[in-house]
Amino acid sequence: MKDETQIWLKYSDENIQSASILLENNLFNPCLQNIQQAVEKSLKAVIIELSLEFRRTHSIRELRKILMES
């Protein structure tokens, strides 16, 4: 696995851990924000691992499209 991929997956895992703590404290909106971030970072990790080109974006829809078209 590429080093950059591992970095993005680590960031994603940190967001998931944060979301879990927020959920335990009934903080639903920030929990969902962290889950969204985790999904985004996980998609970027896969794109990087597959050596696909992508522009800087926070759009899960756009990242998904890149993967679906590859």
Protein backbone atom coordinates (compact mmCIF):
# COMPACT_ATOMS: atom_id res chain seq x y z
CA MET A 1 0.00 0.00 0.00
CA LYS A 2 1.28 3.46 -0.88
CA ASP A 3 2.39 5.73 1.96
CA GLU A 4 -0.05 8.45 0.90
CA THR A 5 -2.91 5.94 0.91
CA GLN A 6 -2.04 4.93 4.46
CA ILE A 7 -2.02 8.57 5.55
CA TRP A 8 -5.52 9.18 4.14
CA LEU A 9 -6.82 6.00 5.77
CA LYS A 10 -5.35 7.11 9.10
CA TYR A 11 -7.16 10.45 8.79
CA SER A 12 -10.37 8.59 7.96
CA ASP A 13 -9.98 6.35 11.00
CA GLU A 14 -9.48 9.41 13.21
CA ASN A 15 -12.75 10.86 11.89
CA ILE A 16 -14.54 7.58 12.63
CA GLN A 17 -13.16 7.54 16.18
CA SER A 18 -14.28 11.14 16.68
CA ALA A 19 -17.73 10.33 15.30
CA SER A 20 -18.07 7.46 17.75
CA ILE A 21 -17.32 9.71 20.71
CA LEU A 22 -19.72 12.35 19.43
CA LEU A 23 -22.46 9.77 18.92
CA GLU A 24 -22.02 8.47 22.48
CA ASN A 25 -22.67 12.03 23.64
CA ASN A 26 -25.75 12.50 21.43
CA LEU A 27 -23.99 15.10 19.30
CA PHE A 28 -25.52 13.97 16.04
CA ASN A 29 -24.68 16.81 13.64
CA PRO A 30 -20.92 16.85 14.37
CA CYS A 31 -21.00 13.05 14.36
CA LEU A 32 -22.41 13.06 10.83
CA GLN A 33 -19.89 15.69 9.75
CA ASN A 34 -17.07 13.41 10.87
CA ILE A 35 -18.59 10.42 9.08
CA GLN A 36 -18.87 12.49 5.90
CA GLN A 37 -15.20 13.39 6.26
CA ALA A 38 -14.26 9.75 6.84
CA VAL A 39 -16.06 8.68 3.65
CA GLU A 40 -14.40 11.45 1.65
CA LYS A 41 -10.94 10.54 2.93
CA SER A 42 -11.50 6.83 2.33
CA LEU A 43 -12.54 7.48 -1.27
CA LYS A 44 -9.45 9.64 -1.78
CA ALA A 45 -7.31 6.83 -0.37
CA VAL A 46 -8.71 4.36 -2.90
CA ILE A 47 -8.25 6.83 -5.76
CA ILE A 48 -4.65 7.43 -4.73
CA GLU A 49 -3.96 3.71 -4.36
CA LEU A 50 -5.29 3.14 -7.89
CA SER A 51 -3.13 6.03 -9.20
CA LEU A 52 -6.16 7.83 -10.61
CA GLU A 53 -6.17 11.56 -11.29
CA PHE A 54 -8.49 13.81 -9.29
CA ARG A 55 -8.77 17.48 -8.59
CA ARG A 56 -9.01 18.91 -5.11
CA THR A 57 -12.61 18.47 -4.00
CA HIS A 58 -14.78 17.70 -0.99
CA SER A 59 -17.55 16.21 -3.11
CA ILE A 60 -18.24 12.57 -2.31
CA ARG A 61 -20.37 12.44 -5.46
CA GLU A 62 -17.44 13.60 -7.60
CA LEU A 63 -14.99 11.19 -5.96
CA ARG A 64 -17.45 8.31 -6.42
CA LYS A 65 -17.82 9.23 -10.09
CA ILE A 66 -14.05 9.06 -10.57
CA LEU A 67 -14.01 5.54 -9.14
CA MET A 68 -17.06 4.38 -11.09
CA GLU A 69 -15.55 5.60 -14.37
CA SER A 70 -12.18 3.95 -13.82
